[in-house]
Amino acid sequence: MRRMIEAATETGVLKGFPPVVPPEEASSIPRE
């Protein structure tokens, strides 16, 4: 999943993808 998004961004075919949070930070965010 990460590899495909990186490749699409690097080659300019994907623009405006929402910001992502690293998995290690996710546990501190309320699950809802």
All heavy atoms as atom14 arrays in JSON, in Angstrom:
{
  "sequence": "MRRMIEAATETGVLKGFPPVVPPEEASSIPRE",
  "atom14_mask": [
    [1, 1, 1, 1, 1, 1, 1, 1, 0, 0, 0, 0, 0, 0],
    [1, 1, 1, 1, 1, 1, 1, 1, 1, 1, 1, 0, 0, 0],
    [1, 1, 1, 1, 1, 1, 1, 1, 1, 1, 1, 0, 0, 0],
    [1, 1, 1, 1, 1, 1, 1, 1, 0, 0, 0, 0, 0, 0],
    [1, 1, 1, 1, 1, 1, 1, 1, 0, 0, 0, 0, 0, 0],
    [1, 1, 1, 1, 1, 1, 1, 1, 1, 0, 0, 0, 0, 0],
    [1, 1, 1, 1, 1, 0, 0, 0, 0, 0, 0, 0, 0, 0],
    [1, 1, 1, 1, 1, 0, 0, 0, 0, 0, 0, 0, 0, 0],
    [1, 1, 1, 1, 1, 1, 1, 0, 0, 0, 0, 0, 0, 0],
    [1, 1, 1, 1, 1, 1, 1, 1, 1, 0, 0, 0, 0, 0],
    [1, 1, 1, 1, 1, 1, 1, 0, 0, 0, 0, 0, 0, 0],
    [1, 1, 1, 1, 0, 0, 0, 0, 0, 0, 0, 0, 0, 0],
    [1, 1, 1, 1, 1, 1, 1, 0, 0, 0, 0, 0, 0, 0],
    [1, 1, 1, 1, 1, 1, 1, 1, 0, 0, 0, 0, 0, 0],
    [1, 1, 1, 1, 1, 1, 1, 1, 1, 0, 0, 0, 0, 0],
    [1, 1, 1, 1, 0, 0, 0, 0, 0, 0, 0, 0, 0, 0],
    [1, 1, 1, 1, 1, 1, 1, 1, 1, 1, 1, 0, 0, 0],
    [1, 1, 1, 1, 1, 1, 1, 0, 0, 0, 0, 0, 0, 0],
    [1, 1, 1, 1, 1, 1, 1, 0, 0, 0, 0, 0, 0, 0],
    [1, 1, 1, 1, 1, 1, 1, 0, 0, 0, 0, 0, 0, 0],
    [1, 1, 1, 1, 1, 1, 1, 0, 0, 0, 0, 0, 0, 0],
    [1, 1, 1, 1, 1, 1, 1, 0, 0, 0, 0, 0, 0, 0],
    [1, 1, 1, 1, 1, 1, 1, 0, 0, 0, 0, 0, 0, 0],
    [1, 1, 1, 1, 1, 1, 1, 1, 1, 0, 0, 0, 0, 0],
    [1, 1, 1, 1, 1, 1, 1, 1, 1, 0, 0, 0, 0, 0],
    [1, 1, 1, 1, 1, 0, 0, 0, 0, 0, 0, 0, 0, 0],
    [1, 1, 1, 1, 1, 1, 0, 0, 0, 0, 0, 0, 0, 0],
    [1, 1, 1, 1, 1, 1, 0, 0, 0, 0, 0, 0, 0, 0],
    [1, 1, 1, 1, 1, 1, 1, 1, 0, 0, 0, 0, 0, 0],
    [1, 1, 1, 1, 1, 1, 1, 0, 0, 0, 0, 0, 0, 0],
    [1, 1, 1, 1, 1, 1, 1, 1, 1, 1, 1, 0, 0, 0],
    [1, 1, 1, 1, 1, 1, 1, 1, 1, 0, 0, 0, 0, 0]
  ],
  "atom14_positions": [
    [[0.85, -1.2, 0.0], [0.0, 0.0, 0.0], [0.88, 1.25, 0.0], [0.7, 2.18, -0.8], [-0.91, -0.03, 1.23], [-1.95, 1.06, 1.28], [-3.31, 0.79, 0.12], [-4.2, -0.57, 0.9], [0.0, 0.0, 0.0], [0.0, 0.0, 0.0], [0.0, 0.0, 0.0], [0.0, 0.0, 0.0], [0.0, 0.0, 0.0], [0.0, 0.0, 0.0]],
    [[1.86, 1.28, 0.9], [2.75, 2.44, 0.96], [3.56, 2.58, -0.32], [3.75, 3.68, -0.83], [3.68, 2.32, 2.18], [2.97, 2.38, 3.52], [3.95, 2.57, 4.67], [4.94, 1.5, 4.72], [4.75, 0.34, 5.36], [3.61, 0.11, 6.0], [5.7, -0.58, 5.39], [0.0, 0.0, 0.0], [0.0, 0.0, 0.0], [0.0, 0.0, 0.0]],
    [[4.03, 1.47, -0.85], [4.87, 1.5, -2.05], [4.11, 2.09, -3.24], [4.66, 2.89, -4.02], [5.33, 0.06, -2.36], [6.12, -0.1, -3.63], [7.56, 0.4, -3.47], [8.13, 0.74, -4.75], [8.13, 1.94, -5.3], [7.6, 2.96, -4.66], [8.68, 2.15, -6.46], [0.0, 0.0, 0.0], [0.0, 0.0, 0.0], [0.0, 0.0, 0.0]],
    [[2.85, 1.68, -3.43], [2.08, 2.16, -4.58], [1.78, 3.66, -4.47], [1.86, 4.39, -5.45], [0.77, 1.37, -4.7], [0.95, -0.01, -5.3], [1.44, 0.07, -7.04], [1.83, -1.66, -7.35], [0.0, 0.0, 0.0], [0.0, 0.0, 0.0], [0.0, 0.0, 0.0], [0.0, 0.0, 0.0], [0.0, 0.0, 0.0], [0.0, 0.0, 0.0]],
    [[1.44, 4.11, -3.27], [1.16, 5.54, -3.09], [2.43, 6.36, -3.32], [2.41, 7.42, -3.96], [0.57, 5.79, -1.68], [-0.78, 5.06, -1.52], [0.39, 7.29, -1.44], [-1.82, 5.41, -2.57], [0.0, 0.0, 0.0], [0.0, 0.0, 0.0], [0.0, 0.0, 0.0], [0.0, 0.0, 0.0], [0.0, 0.0, 0.0], [0.0, 0.0, 0.0]],
    [[3.57, 5.85, -2.83], [4.84, 6.54, -3.06], [5.15, 6.63, -4.56], [5.53, 7.68, -5.07], [5.99, 5.79, -2.37], [6.02, 5.98, -0.85], [6.97, 5.0, -0.19], [7.71, 4.28, -0.93], [6.97, 4.92, 1.05], [0.0, 0.0, 0.0], [0.0, 0.0, 0.0], [0.0, 0.0, 0.0], [0.0, 0.0, 0.0], [0.0, 0.0, 0.0]],
    [[4.98, 5.5, -5.27], [5.28, 5.48, -6.71], [4.36, 6.44, -7.47], [4.81, 7.16, -8.38], [5.12, 4.06, -7.26], [0.0, 0.0, 0.0], [0.0, 0.0, 0.0], [0.0, 0.0, 0.0], [0.0, 0.0, 0.0], [0.0, 0.0, 0.0], [0.0, 0.0, 0.0], [0.0, 0.0, 0.0], [0.0, 0.0, 0.0], [0.0, 0.0, 0.0]],
    [[3.07, 6.45, -7.11], [2.12, 7.33, -7.8], [2.43, 8.8, -7.53], [2.28, 9.66, -8.42], [0.69, 7.0, -7.36], [0.0, 0.0, 0.0], [0.0, 0.0, 0.0], [0.0, 0.0, 0.0], [0.0, 0.0, 0.0], [0.0, 0.0, 0.0], [0.0, 0.0, 0.0], [0.0, 0.0, 0.0], [0.0, 0.0, 0.0], [0.0, 0.0, 0.0]],
    [[2.89, 9.09, -6.32], [3.24, 10.48, -5.98], [4.53, 10.9, -6.67], [4.63, 11.98, -7.25], [3.38, 10.62, -4.45], [2.16, 10.18, -3.83], [3.63, 12.06, -4.06], [0.0, 0.0, 0.0], [0.0, 0.0, 0.0], [0.0, 0.0, 0.0], [0.0, 0.0, 0.0], [0.0, 0.0, 0.0], [0.0, 0.0, 0.0], [0.0, 0.0, 0.0]],
    [[5.53, 10.01, -6.62], [6.83, 10.31, -7.23], [6.71, 10.58, -8.73], [7.43, 11.42, -9.27], [7.79, 9.13, -7.01], [8.34, 9.01, -5.6], [9.08, 7.69, -5.39], [9.38, 7.01, -6.4], [9.37, 7.35, -4.23], [0.0, 0.0, 0.0], [0.0, 0.0, 0.0], [0.0, 0.0, 0.0], [0.0, 0.0, 0.0], [0.0, 0.0, 0.0]],
    [[5.82, 9.85, -9.4], [5.7, 9.99, -10.85], [4.65, 11.01, -11.26], [4.39, 11.2, -12.46], [5.37, 8.62, -11.49], [4.21, 8.06, -10.85], [6.53, 7.66, -11.33], [0.0, 0.0, 0.0], [0.0, 0.0, 0.0], [0.0, 0.0, 0.0], [0.0, 0.0, 0.0], [0.0, 0.0, 0.0], [0.0, 0.0, 0.0], [0.0, 0.0, 0.0]],
    [[4.02, 11.66, -10.28], [3.11, 12.75, -10.59], [1.71, 12.35, -10.99], [0.9, 13.21, -11.35], [0.0, 0.0, 0.0], [0.0, 0.0, 0.0], [0.0, 0.0, 0.0], [0.0, 0.0, 0.0], [0.0, 0.0, 0.0], [0.0, 0.0, 0.0], [0.0, 0.0, 0.0], [0.0, 0.0, 0.0], [0.0, 0.0, 0.0], [0.0, 0.0, 0.0]],
    [[1.37, 11.05, -10.91], [0.01, 10.65, -11.31], [-0.99, 10.82, -10.17], [-2.2, 10.82, -10.4], [-0.04, 9.18, -11.82], [0.83, 8.99, -13.04], [0.33, 8.19, -10.73], [0.0, 0.0, 0.0], [0.0, 0.0, 0.0], [0.0, 0.0, 0.0], [0.0, 0.0, 0.0], [0.0, 0.0, 0.0], [0.0, 0.0, 0.0], [0.0, 0.0, 0.0]],
    [[-0.48, 10.95, -8.93], [-1.36, 11.12, -7.78], [-1.09, 12.48, -7.14], [0.03, 12.77, -6.71], [-1.12, 10.01, -6.76], [-1.94, 10.07, -5.47], [-3.43, 9.95, -5.77], [-1.51, 8.97, -4.5], [0.0, 0.0, 0.0], [0.0, 0.0, 0.0], [0.0, 0.0, 0.0], [0.0, 0.0, 0.0], [0.0, 0.0, 0.0], [0.0, 0.0, 0.0]],
    [[-2.13, 13.28, -7.09], [-2.01, 14.6, -6.47], [-3.14, 14.77, -5.46], [-4.23, 14.22, -5.63], [-2.1, 15.7, -7.54], [-0.94, 15.69, -8.54], [-1.09, 16.8, -9.57], [0.13, 16.87, -10.49], [0.23, 15.7, -11.37], [0.0, 0.0, 0.0], [0.0, 0.0, 0.0], [0.0, 0.0, 0.0], [0.0, 0.0, 0.0], [0.0, 0.0, 0.0]],
    [[-2.88, 15.53, -4.4], [-3.93, 15.85, -3.44], [-4.33, 14.72, -2.54], [-5.45, 14.69, -2.03], [0.0, 0.0, 0.0], [0.0, 0.0, 0.0], [0.0, 0.0, 0.0], [0.0, 0.0, 0.0], [0.0, 0.0, 0.0], [0.0, 0.0, 0.0], [0.0, 0.0, 0.0], [0.0, 0.0, 0.0], [0.0, 0.0, 0.0], [0.0, 0.0, 0.0]],
    [[-3.42, 13.75, -2.3], [-3.73, 12.66, -1.38], [-3.74, 13.22, 0.05], [-2.85, 13.96, 0.43], [-2.7, 11.55, -1.49], [-3.11, 10.26, -0.85], [-3.91, 9.36, -1.53], [-2.72, 9.94, 0.45], [-4.3, 8.16, -0.94], [-3.1, 8.76, 1.05], [-3.9, 7.87, 0.34], [0.0, 0.0, 0.0], [0.0, 0.0, 0.0], [0.0, 0.0, 0.0]],
    [[-4.76, 12.89, 0.85], [-4.83, 13.44, 2.22], [-3.59, 13.1, 3.03], [-2.93, 12.08, 2.77], [-6.07, 12.75, 2.8], [-6.89, 12.37, 1.62], [-5.92, 12.05, 0.54], [0.0, 0.0, 0.0], [0.0, 0.0, 0.0], [0.0, 0.0, 0.0], [0.0, 0.0, 0.0], [0.0, 0.0, 0.0], [0.0, 0.0, 0.0], [0.0, 0.0, 0.0]],
    [[-3.25, 13.92, 4.02], [-2.08, 13.62, 4.88], [-2.27, 12.29, 5.59], [-3.4, 11.91, 5.93], [-2.07, 14.78, 5.89], [-2.99, 15.82, 5.33], [-3.94, 15.15, 4.41], [0.0, 0.0, 0.0], [0.0, 0.0, 0.0], [0.0, 0.0, 0.0], [0.0, 0.0, 0.0], [0.0, 0.0, 0.0], [0.0, 0.0, 0.0], [0.0, 0.0, 0.0]],
    [[-1.16, 11.59, 5.79], [-1.24, 10.3, 6.48], [-0.46, 10.37, 7.79], [0.47, 11.16, 7.95], [-0.7, 9.14, 5.61], [-1.56, 8.97, 4.37], [0.75, 9.34, 5.24], [0.0, 0.0, 0.0], [0.0, 0.0, 0.0], [0.0, 0.0, 0.0], [0.0, 0.0, 0.0], [0.0, 0.0, 0.0], [0.0, 0.0, 0.0], [0.0, 0.0, 0.0]],
    [[-0.86, 9.51, 8.73], [-0.25, 9.45, 10.06], [0.55, 8.15, 10.12], [0.05, 7.1, 9.71], [-1.34, 9.45, 11.15], [-0.74, 9.22, 12.52], [-2.13, 10.75, 11.12], [0.0, 0.0, 0.0], [0.0, 0.0, 0.0], [0.0, 0.0, 0.0], [0.0, 0.0, 0.0], [0.0, 0.0, 0.0], [0.0, 0.0, 0.0], [0.0, 0.0, 0.0]],
    [[1.79, 8.17, 10.63], [2.56, 6.93, 10.77], [1.85, 5.97, 11.72], [1.21, 6.4, 12.69], [3.9, 7.39, 11.36], [3.95, 8.86, 11.13], [2.54, 9.35, 11.08], [0.0, 0.0, 0.0], [0.0, 0.0, 0.0], [0.0, 0.0, 0.0], [0.0, 0.0, 0.0], [0.0, 0.0, 0.0], [0.0, 0.0, 0.0], [0.0, 0.0, 0.0]],
    [[1.95, 4.66, 11.48], [1.28, 3.67, 12.35], [1.63, 3.83, 13.82], [0.78, 3.64, 14.69], [1.77, 2.33, 11.8], [2.14, 2.6, 10.38], [2.64, 4.01, 10.34], [0.0, 0.0, 0.0], [0.0, 0.0, 0.0], [0.0, 0.0, 0.0], [0.0, 0.0, 0.0], [0.0, 0.0, 0.0], [0.0, 0.0, 0.0], [0.0, 0.0, 0.0]],
    [[2.89, 4.19, 14.11], [3.29, 4.28, 15.52], [2.61, 5.43, 16.26], [2.55, 5.44, 17.49], [4.82, 4.41, 15.63], [5.44, 5.55, 14.85], [5.81, 5.17, 13.42], [5.29, 4.15, 12.91], [6.63, 5.89, 12.81], [0.0, 0.0, 0.0], [0.0, 0.0, 0.0], [0.0, 0.0, 0.0], [0.0, 0.0, 0.0], [0.0, 0.0, 0.0]],
    [[2.09, 6.4, 15.52], [1.37, 7.51, 16.16], [-0.13, 7.24, 16.27], [-0.85, 7.92, 17.0], [1.58, 8.81, 15.36], [3.01, 9.33, 15.4], [3.19, 10.61, 14.6], [2.16, 11.29, 14.33], [4.34, 10.93, 14.24], [0.0, 0.0, 0.0], [0.0, 0.0, 0.0], [0.0, 0.0, 0.0], [0.0, 0.0, 0.0], [0.0, 0.0, 0.0]],
    [[-0.61, 6.24, 15.53], [-2.05, 6.0, 15.45], [-2.64, 5.59, 16.79], [-3.79, 5.93, 17.11], [-2.35, 4.93, 14.4], [0.0, 0.0, 0.0], [0.0, 0.0, 0.0], [0.0, 0.0, 0.0], [0.0, 0.0, 0.0], [0.0, 0.0, 0.0], [0.0, 0.0, 0.0], [0.0, 0.0, 0.0], [0.0, 0.0, 0.0], [0.0, 0.0, 0.0]],
    [[-1.85, 4.86, 17.61], [-2.4, 4.36, 18.87], [-2.74, 5.48, 19.85], [-3.51, 5.28, 20.8], [-1.41, 3.38, 19.52], [-0.16, 4.0, 19.66], [0.0, 0.0, 0.0], [0.0, 0.0, 0.0], [0.0, 0.0, 0.0], [0.0, 0.0, 0.0], [0.0, 0.0, 0.0], [0.0, 0.0, 0.0], [0.0, 0.0, 0.0], [0.0, 0.0, 0.0]],
    [[-2.2, 6.67, 19.63], [-2.5, 7.79, 20.53], [-3.71, 8.6, 20.06], [-4.12, 9.55, 20.73], [-1.27, 8.7, 20.63], [-0.97, 9.28, 19.37], [0.0, 0.0, 0.0], [0.0, 0.0, 0.0], [0.0, 0.0, 0.0], [0.0, 0.0, 0.0], [0.0, 0.0, 0.0], [0.0, 0.0, 0.0], [0.0, 0.0, 0.0], [0.0, 0.0, 0.0]],
    [[-4.3, 8.21, 18.91], [-5.46, 8.93, 18.37], [-6.73, 8.17, 18.76], [-6.77, 6.94, 18.64], [-5.35, 9.04, 16.83], [-4.11, 9.87, 16.46], [-6.6, 9.69, 16.22], [-3.78, 9.85, 14.97], [0.0, 0.0, 0.0], [0.0, 0.0, 0.0], [0.0, 0.0, 0.0], [0.0, 0.0, 0.0], [0.0, 0.0, 0.0], [0.0, 0.0, 0.0]],
    [[-7.78, 8.84, 19.24], [-9.05, 8.14, 19.56], [-9.52, 7.32, 18.36], [-9.49, 7.81, 17.22], [-10.01, 9.29, 19.88], [-9.13, 10.43, 20.29], [-7.88, 10.3, 19.5], [0.0, 0.0, 0.0], [0.0, 0.0, 0.0], [0.0, 0.0, 0.0], [0.0, 0.0, 0.0], [0.0, 0.0, 0.0], [0.0, 0.0, 0.0], [0.0, 0.0, 0.0]],
    [[-9.95, 6.09, 18.6], [-10.25, 5.17, 17.49], [-11.39, 5.68, 16.6], [-11.4, 5.4, 15.4], [-10.51, 3.76, 18.0], [-11.62, 3.6, 18.98], [-11.57, 2.24, 19.67], [-11.47, 1.1, 18.75], [-10.34, 0.41, 18.53], [-9.23, 0.73, 19.15], [-10.36, -0.61, 17.7], [0.0, 0.0, 0.0], [0.0, 0.0, 0.0], [0.0, 0.0, 0.0]],
    [[-12.32, 6.46, 17.17], [-13.41, 6.99, 16.32], [-12.89, 8.08, 15.37], [-13.62, 8.51, 14.47], [-14.55, 7.53, 17.19], [-14.19, 8.71, 18.08], [-13.64, 8.3, 19.43], [-13.29, 7.09, 19.59], [-13.57, 9.16, 20.33], [0.0, 0.0, 0.0], [0.0, 0.0, 0.0], [0.0, 0.0, 0.0], [0.0, 0.0, 0.0], [0.0, 0.0, 0.0]]
  ]
}
